[in-house]
Amino acid sequence: MKIITSIIAALVLCAAAAQAQTPVPGASARPIPAAPQLGAKSYLLADFNSGQILVESNADMRVEPASITKLMTAYVV
């Protein structure tokens, strides 16, 4: 009985090792959707893991900080 159990365990381990080596397509396999129409002067959306820029419009444009940033700065100072 121990021999049969050992053979089954070895087969399961070999199958698991073979399955682990099977390549899985990455997240970049999905197409990136078209950029939405926004009313913002500039915006940029990047993938955190890869650093790839997904969508941008006037990304190099200098803009003033938003109002909540100004309020938090005034609150801290």
PDB file of N, CA and C in Angstrom:
ATOM      1  N   MET A   1       0.817  -1.198   0.000  1.00  0.00           N
ATOM      2  CA  MET A   1       0.000   0.000   0.000  1.00  0.00           C
ATOM      3  C   MET A   1       0.862   1.264   0.000  1.00  0.00           C
ATOM      4  N   LYS A   2       2.016   1.200   0.692  1.00  0.00           N
ATOM      5  CA  LYS A   2       2.905   2.353   0.727  1.00  0.00           C
ATOM      6  C   LYS A   2       3.478   2.651  -0.649  1.00  0.00           C
ATOM      7  N   ILE A   3       3.716   1.618  -1.433  1.00  0.00           N
ATOM      8  CA  ILE A   3       4.293   1.818  -2.762  1.00  0.00           C
ATOM      9  C   ILE A   3       3.295   2.542  -3.662  1.00  0.00           C
ATOM     10  N   ILE A   4       2.031   2.155  -3.611  1.00  0.00           N
ATOM     11  CA  ILE A   4       1.002   2.795  -4.433  1.00  0.00           C
ATOM     12  C   ILE A   4       0.838   4.256  -4.022  1.00  0.00           C
ATOM     13  N   THR A   5       0.822   4.519  -2.733  1.00  0.00           N
ATOM     14  CA  THR A   5       0.698   5.888  -2.236  1.00  0.00           C
ATOM     15  C   THR A   5       1.904   6.725  -2.668  1.00  0.00           C
ATOM     16  N   SER A   6       3.096   6.142  -2.615  1.00  0.00           N
ATOM     17  CA  SER A   6       4.304   6.855  -3.029  1.00  0.00           C
ATOM     18  C   SER A   6       4.280   7.173  -4.520  1.00  0.00           C
ATOM     19  N   ILE A   7       3.809   6.224  -5.342  1.00  0.00           N
ATOM     20  CA  ILE A   7       3.729   6.447  -6.783  1.00  0.00           C
ATOM     21  C   ILE A   7       2.727   7.552  -7.100  1.00  0.00           C
ATOM     22  N   ILE A   8       1.578   7.535  -6.451  1.00  0.00           N
ATOM     23  CA  ILE A   8       0.560   8.572  -6.671  1.00  0.00           C
ATOM     24  C   ILE A   8       1.099   9.935  -6.243  1.00  0.00           C
ATOM     25  N   ALA A   9       1.785   9.985  -5.104  1.00  0.00           N
ATOM     26  CA  ALA A   9       2.352  11.253  -4.632  1.00  0.00           C
ATOM     27  C   ALA A   9       3.405  11.771  -5.609  1.00  0.00           C
ATOM     28  N   ALA A  10       4.235  10.882  -6.152  1.00  0.00           N
ATOM     29  CA  ALA A  10       5.255  11.288  -7.118  1.00  0.00           C
ATOM     30  C   ALA A  10       4.615  11.817  -8.394  1.00  0.00           C
ATOM     31  N   LEU A  11       3.553  11.175  -8.866  1.00  0.00           N
ATOM     32  CA  LEU A  11       2.857  11.641 -10.061  1.00  0.00           C
ATOM     33  C   LEU A  11       2.233  13.019  -9.846  1.00  0.00           C
ATOM     34  N   VAL A  12       1.651  13.228  -8.680  1.00  0.00           N
ATOM     35  CA  VAL A  12       1.043  14.527  -8.369  1.00  0.00           C
ATOM     36  C   VAL A  12       2.117  15.613  -8.324  1.00  0.00           C
ATOM     37  N   LEU A  13       3.262  15.320  -7.718  1.00  0.00           N
ATOM     38  CA  LEU A  13       4.344  16.303  -7.651  1.00  0.00           C
ATOM     39  C   LEU A  13       4.911  16.614  -9.032  1.00  0.00           C
ATOM     40  N   CYS A  14       5.047  15.591  -9.878  1.00  0.00           N
ATOM     41  CA  CYS A  14       5.542  15.826 -11.244  1.00  0.00           C
ATOM     42  C   CYS A  14       4.550  16.665 -12.048  1.00  0.00           C
ATOM     43  N   ALA A  15       3.265  16.383 -11.883  1.00  0.00           N
ATOM     44  CA  ALA A  15       2.247  17.158 -12.596  1.00  0.00           C
ATOM     45  C   ALA A  15       2.252  18.610 -12.120  1.00  0.00           C
ATOM     46  N   ALA A  16       2.421  18.820 -10.822  1.00  0.00           N
ATOM     47  CA  ALA A  16       2.457  20.184 -10.289  1.00  0.00           C
ATOM     48  C   ALA A  16       3.683  20.934 -10.801  1.00  0.00           C
ATOM     49  N   ALA A  17       4.823  20.252 -10.890  1.00  0.00           N
ATOM     50  CA  ALA A  17       6.036  20.898 -11.390  1.00  0.00           C
ATOM     51  C   ALA A  17       5.898  21.258 -12.867  1.00  0.00           C
ATOM     52  N   ALA A  18       5.276  20.381 -13.642  1.00  0.00           N
ATOM     53  CA  ALA A  18       5.074  20.663 -15.065  1.00  0.00           C
ATOM     54  C   ALA A  18       4.104  21.821 -15.258  1.00  0.00           C
ATOM     55  N   GLN A  19       3.089  21.887 -14.432  1.00  0.00           N
ATOM     56  CA  GLN A  19       2.102  22.963 -14.527  1.00  0.00           C
ATOM     57  C   GLN A  19       2.720  24.300 -14.124  1.00  0.00           C
ATOM     58  N   ALA A  20       3.652  24.294 -13.197  1.00  0.00           N
ATOM     59  CA  ALA A  20       4.277  25.533 -12.735  1.00  0.00           C
ATOM     60  C   ALA A  20       5.151  26.152 -13.820  1.00  0.00           C
ATOM     61  N   GLN A  21       5.666  25.343 -14.742  1.00  0.00           N
ATOM     62  CA  GLN A  21       6.532  25.858 -15.794  1.00  0.00           C
ATOM     63  C   GLN A  21       5.759  26.354 -17.000  1.00  0.00           C
ATOM     64  N   THR A  22       4.453  26.166 -17.023  1.00  0.00           N
ATOM     65  CA  THR A  22       3.640  26.621 -18.143  1.00  0.00           C
ATOM     66  C   THR A  22       3.555  28.145 -18.109  1.00  0.00           C
ATOM     67  N   PRO A  23       3.958  28.842 -19.181  1.00  0.00           N
ATOM     68  CA  PRO A  23       3.902  30.311 -19.172  1.00  0.00           C
ATOM     69  C   PRO A  23       2.465  30.820 -19.164  1.00  0.00           C
ATOM     70  N   VAL A  24       2.273  31.884 -18.423  1.00  0.00           N
ATOM     71  CA  VAL A  24       0.960  32.521 -18.321  1.00  0.00           C
ATOM     72  C   VAL A  24       1.062  33.888 -18.992  1.00  0.00           C
ATOM     73  N   PRO A  25       0.119  34.250 -19.865  1.00  0.00           N
ATOM     74  CA  PRO A  25       0.202  35.569 -20.497  1.00  0.00           C
ATOM     75  C   PRO A  25       0.097  36.675 -19.454  1.00  0.00           C
ATOM     76  N   GLY A  26       0.881  37.715 -19.636  1.00  0.00           N
ATOM     77  CA  GLY A  26       0.912  38.819 -18.683  1.00  0.00           C
ATOM     78  C   GLY A  26      -0.266  39.758 -18.850  1.00  0.00           C
ATOM     79  N   ALA A  27      -0.277  40.780 -18.017  1.00  0.00           N
ATOM     80  CA  ALA A  27      -1.362  41.759 -18.048  1.00  0.00           C
ATOM     81  C   ALA A  27      -1.331  42.598 -19.323  1.00  0.00           C
ATOM     82  N   SER A  28      -0.171  42.675 -19.964  1.00  0.00           N
ATOM     83  CA  SER A  28      -0.072  43.492 -21.168  1.00  0.00           C
ATOM     84  C   SER A  28      -0.726  42.834 -22.376  1.00  0.00           C
ATOM     85  N   ALA A  29      -1.215  41.593 -22.222  1.00  0.00           N
ATOM     86  CA  ALA A  29      -1.863  40.900 -23.338  1.00  0.00           C
ATOM     87  C   ALA A  29      -3.225  41.523 -23.660  1.00  0.00           C
ATOM     88  N   ARG A  30      -3.821  42.211 -22.685  1.00  0.00           N
ATOM     89  CA  ARG A  30      -5.111  42.854 -22.925  1.00  0.00           C
ATOM     90  C   ARG A  30      -4.908  44.186 -23.626  1.00  0.00           C
ATOM     91  N   PRO A  31      -5.750  44.516 -24.588  1.00  0.00           N
ATOM     92  CA  PRO A  31      -5.598  45.814 -25.260  1.00  0.00           C
ATOM     93  C   PRO A  31      -5.973  46.963 -24.330  1.00  0.00           C
ATOM     94  N   ILE A  32      -5.310  48.084 -24.500  1.00  0.00           N
ATOM     95  CA  ILE A  32      -5.592  49.276 -23.699  1.00  0.00           C
ATOM     96  C   ILE A  32      -6.754  50.013 -24.351  1.00  0.00           C
ATOM     97  N   PRO A  33      -7.811  50.314 -23.584  1.00  0.00           N
ATOM     98  CA  PRO A  33      -8.962  51.006 -24.181  1.00  0.00           C
ATOM     99  C   PRO A  33      -8.613  52.436 -24.588  1.00  0.00           C
ATOM    100  N   ALA A  34      -9.446  53.005 -25.418  1.00  0.00           N
ATOM    101  CA  ALA A  34      -9.237  54.378 -25.878  1.00  0.00           C
ATOM    102  C   ALA A  34      -9.388  55.359 -24.718  1.00  0.00           C
ATOM    103  N   ALA A  35      -8.714  56.484 -24.823  1.00  0.00           N
ATOM    104  CA  ALA A  35      -8.765  57.498 -23.773  1.00  0.00           C
ATOM    105  C   ALA A  35     -10.148  58.133 -23.715  1.00  0.00           C
ATOM    106  N   PRO A  36     -10.662  58.362 -22.501  1.00  0.00           N
ATOM    107  CA  PRO A  36     -11.964  59.018 -22.384  1.00  0.00           C
ATOM    108  C   PRO A  36     -11.848  60.512 -22.670  1.00  0.00           C
ATOM    109  N   GLN A  37     -12.945  61.134 -22.974  1.00  0.00           N
ATOM    110  CA  GLN A  37     -12.972  62.580 -23.194  1.00  0.00           C
ATOM    111  C   GLN A  37     -13.157  63.259 -21.839  1.00  0.00           C
ATOM    112  N   LEU A  38     -12.134  63.963 -21.381  1.00  0.00           N
ATOM    113  CA  LEU A  38     -12.161  64.635 -20.090  1.00  0.00           C
ATOM    114  C   LEU A  38     -12.054  66.137 -20.290  1.00  0.00           C
ATOM    115  N   GLY A  39     -12.532  66.874 -19.298  1.00  0.00           N
ATOM    116  CA  GLY A  39     -12.450  68.323 -19.353  1.00  0.00           C
ATOM    117  C   GLY A  39     -11.198  68.872 -18.688  1.00  0.00           C
ATOM    118  N   ALA A  40     -10.304  68.006 -18.234  1.00  0.00           N
ATOM    119  CA  ALA A  40      -9.096  68.449 -17.544  1.00  0.00           C
ATOM    120  C   ALA A  40      -8.087  69.040 -18.521  1.00  0.00           C
ATOM    121  N   LYS A  41      -7.271  69.982 -18.025  1.00  0.00           N
ATOM    122  CA  LYS A  41      -6.232  70.584 -18.861  1.00  0.00           C
ATOM    123  C   LYS A  41      -5.159  69.553 -19.212  1.00  0.00           C
ATOM    124  N   SER A  42      -4.782  68.756 -18.233  1.00  0.00           N
ATOM    125  CA  SER A  42      -3.780  67.725 -18.469  1.00  0.00           C
ATOM    126  C   SER A  42      -4.031  66.564 -17.513  1.00  0.00           C
ATOM    127  N   TYR A  43      -3.627  65.372 -17.937  1.00  0.00           N
ATOM    128  CA  TYR A  43      -3.744  64.186 -17.092  1.00  0.00           C
ATOM    129  C   TYR A  43      -2.750  63.147 -17.565  1.00  0.00           C
ATOM    130  N   LEU A  44      -2.454  62.190 -16.680  1.00  0.00           N
ATOM    131  CA  LEU A  44      -1.537  61.113 -16.989  1.00  0.00           C
ATOM    132  C   LEU A  44      -1.950  59.902 -16.171  1.00  0.00           C
ATOM    133  N   LEU A  45      -2.040  58.752 -16.807  1.00  0.00           N
ATOM    134  CA  LEU A  45      -2.362  57.499 -16.131  1.00  0.00           C
ATOM    135  C   LEU A  45      -1.265  56.509 -16.465  1.00  0.00           C
ATOM    136  N   ALA A  46      -0.596  55.976 -15.418  1.00  0.00           N
ATOM    137  CA  ALA A  46       0.514  55.044 -15.626  1.00  0.00           C
ATOM    138  C   ALA A  46       0.263  53.763 -14.846  1.00  0.00           C
ATOM    139  N   ASP A  47       0.788  52.660 -15.362  1.00  0.00           N
ATOM    140  CA  ASP A  47       0.736  51.379 -14.665  1.00  0.00           C
ATOM    141  C   ASP A  47       1.839  51.384 -13.617  1.00  0.00           C
ATOM    142  N   PHE A  48       1.480  51.148 -12.355  1.00  0.00           N
ATOM    143  CA  PHE A  48       2.441  51.229 -11.259  1.00  0.00           C
ATOM    144  C   PHE A  48       3.524  50.163 -11.381  1.00  0.00           C
ATOM    145  N   ASN A  49       3.144  48.940 -11.748  1.00  0.00           N
ATOM    146  CA  ASN A  49       4.105  47.837 -11.788  1.00  0.00           C
ATOM    147  C   ASN A  49       5.099  47.962 -12.937  1.00  0.00           C
ATOM    148  N   SER A  50       4.633  48.291 -14.114  1.00  0.00           N
ATOM    149  CA  SER A  50       5.529  48.335 -15.274  1.00  0.00           C
ATOM    150  C   SER A  50       6.058  49.742 -15.556  1.00  0.00           C
ATOM    151  N   GLY A  51       5.391  50.773 -15.055  1.00  0.00           N
ATOM    152  CA  GLY A  51       5.794  52.140 -15.341  1.00  0.00           C
ATOM    153  C   GLY A  51       5.350  52.614 -16.711  1.00  0.00           C
ATOM    154  N   GLN A  52       4.574  51.796 -17.404  1.00  0.00           N
ATOM    155  CA  GLN A  52       4.108  52.143 -18.749  1.00  0.00           C
ATOM    156  C   GLN A  52       3.036  53.223 -18.663  1.00  0.00           C
ATOM    157  N   ILE A  53       3.149  54.257 -19.488  1.00  0.00           N
ATOM    158  CA  ILE A  53       2.139  55.310 -19.568  1.00  0.00           C
ATOM    159  C   ILE A  53       0.969  54.759 -20.365  1.00  0.00           C
ATOM    160  N   LEU A  54      -0.205  54.701 -19.752  1.00  0.00           N
ATOM    161  CA  LEU A  54      -1.382  54.163 -20.426  1.00  0.00           C
ATOM    162  C   LEU A  54      -2.116  55.239 -21.208  1.00  0.00           C
ATOM    163  N   VAL A  55      -2.356  56.391 -20.572  1.00  0.00           N
ATOM    164  CA  VAL A  55      -3.082  57.488 -21.210  1.00  0.00           C
ATOM    165  C   VAL A  55      -2.471  58.794 -20.722  1.00  0.00           C
ATOM    166  N   GLU A  56      -2.319  59.753 -21.623  1.00  0.00           N
ATOM    167  CA  GLU A  56      -1.821  61.067 -21.218  1.00  0.00           C
ATOM    168  C   GLU A  56      -2.327  62.130 -22.166  1.00  0.00           C
ATOM    169  N   SER A  57      -2.470  63.323 -21.619  1.00  0.00           N
ATOM    170  CA  SER A  57      -2.833  64.484 -22.418  1.00  0.00           C
ATOM    171  C   SER A  57      -2.139  65.684 -21.794  1.00  0.00           C
ATOM    172  N   ASN A  58      -1.277  66.329 -22.544  1.00  0.00           N
ATOM    173  CA  ASN A  58      -0.492  67.469 -22.051  1.00  0.00           C
ATOM    174  C   ASN A  58       0.244  67.109 -20.763  1.00  0.00           C
ATOM    175  N   ALA A  59       0.913  65.967 -20.758  1.00  0.00           N
ATOM    176  CA  ALA A  59       1.574  65.480 -19.550  1.00  0.00           C
ATOM    177  C   ALA A  59       2.703  66.395 -19.086  1.00  0.00           C
ATOM    178  N   ASP A  60       3.325  67.134 -19.993  1.00  0.00           N
ATOM    179  CA  ASP A  60       4.437  68.010 -19.627  1.00  0.00           C
ATOM    180  C   ASP A  60       3.995  69.411 -19.221  1.00  0.00           C
ATOM    181  N   MET A  61       2.716  69.685 -19.282  1.00  0.00           N
ATOM    182  CA  MET A  61       2.191  71.013 -18.951  1.00  0.00           C
ATOM    183  C   MET A  61       2.274  71.256 -17.441  1.00  0.00           C
ATOM    184  N   ARG A  62       2.781  72.424 -17.053  1.00  0.00           N
ATOM    185  CA  ARG A  62       2.849  72.766 -15.628  1.00  0.00           C
ATOM    186  C   ARG A  62       1.496  73.294 -15.185  1.00  0.00           C
ATOM    187  N   VAL A  63       0.967  72.750 -14.096  1.00  0.00           N
ATOM    188  CA  VAL A  63      -0.327  73.179 -13.565  1.00  0.00           C
ATOM    189  C   VAL A  63      -0.176  73.457 -12.076  1.00  0.00           C
ATOM    190  N   GLU A  64      -1.021  74.308 -11.564  1.00  0.00           N
ATOM    191  CA  GLU A  64      -1.027  74.627 -10.142  1.00  0.00           C
ATOM    192  C   GLU A  64      -1.653  73.471  -9.366  1.00  0.00           C
ATOM    193  N   PRO A  65      -1.283  73.302  -8.098  1.00  0.00           N
ATOM    194  CA  PRO A  65      -1.888  72.239  -7.301  1.00  0.00           C
ATOM    195  C   PRO A  65      -3.383  72.472  -7.095  1.00  0.00           C
ATOM    196  N   ALA A  66      -4.086  71.402  -6.855  1.00  0.00           N
ATOM    197  CA  ALA A  66      -5.536  71.484  -6.642  1.00  0.00           C
ATOM    198  C   ALA A  66      -5.839  72.155  -5.306  1.00  0.00           C
ATOM    199  N   SER A  67      -7.077  72.545  -5.112  1.00  0.00           N
ATOM    200  CA  SER A  67      -7.479  73.296  -3.923  1.00  0.00           C
ATOM    201  C   SER A  67      -7.263  72.509  -2.638  1.00  0.00           C
ATOM    202  N   ILE A  68      -7.535  71.206  -2.638  1.00  0.00           N
ATOM    203  CA  ILE A  68      -7.376  70.422  -1.408  1.00  0.00           C
ATOM    204  C   ILE A  68      -5.903  70.404  -0.988  1.00  0.00           C
ATOM    205  N   THR A  69      -4.991  70.417  -1.960  1.00  0.00           N
ATOM    206  CA  THR A  69      -3.567  70.462  -1.633  1.00  0.00           C
ATOM    207  C   THR A  69      -3.221  71.779  -0.961  1.00  0.00           C
ATOM    208  N   LYS A  70      -3.758  72.861  -1.463  1.00  0.00           N
ATOM    209  CA  LYS A  70      -3.507  74.169  -0.861  1.00  0.00           C
ATOM    210  C   LYS A  70      -4.064  74.221   0.560  1.00  0.00           C
ATOM    211  N   LEU A  71      -5.250  73.667   0.753  1.00  0.00           N
ATOM    212  CA  LEU A  71      -5.848  73.660   2.089  1.00  0.00           C
ATOM    213  C   LEU A  71      -5.028  72.826   3.065  1.00  0.00           C
ATOM    214  N   MET A  72      -4.565  71.661   2.648  1.00  0.00           N
ATOM    215  CA  MET A  72      -3.780  70.809   3.537  1.00  0.00           C
ATOM    216  C   MET A  72      -2.433  71.459   3.858  1.00  0.00           C
ATOM    217  N   THR A  73      -1.837  72.144   2.895  1.00  0.00           N
ATOM    218  CA  THR A  73      -0.583  72.840   3.152  1.00  0.00           C
ATOM    219  C   THR A  73      -0.795  73.960   4.159  1.00  0.00           C
ATOM    220  N   ALA A  74      -1.855  74.714   4.003  1.00  0.00           N
ATOM    221  CA  ALA A  74      -2.158  75.789   4.950  1.00  0.00           C
ATOM    222  C   ALA A  74      -2.454  75.226   6.334  1.00  0.00           C
ATOM    223  N   TYR A  75      -3.095  74.067   6.392  1.00  0.00           N
ATOM    224  CA  TYR A  75      -3.432  73.445   7.674  1.00  0.00           C
ATOM    225  C   TYR A  75      -2.174  72.972   8.391  1.00  0.00           C
ATOM    226  N   VAL A  76      -1.233  72.409   7.660  1.00  0.00           N
ATOM    227  CA  VAL A  76      -0.004  71.889   8.262  1.00  0.00           C
ATOM    228  C   VAL A  76       0.909  73.020   8.698  1.00  0.00           C
ATOM    229  N   VAL A  77       0.987  74.084   7.899  1.00  0.00           N
ATOM    230  CA  VAL A  77       1.891  75.199   8.208  1.00  0.00           C
ATOM    231  C   VAL A  77       1.217  76.053   9.231  1.00  0.00           C
TER     232      VAL A  77
END
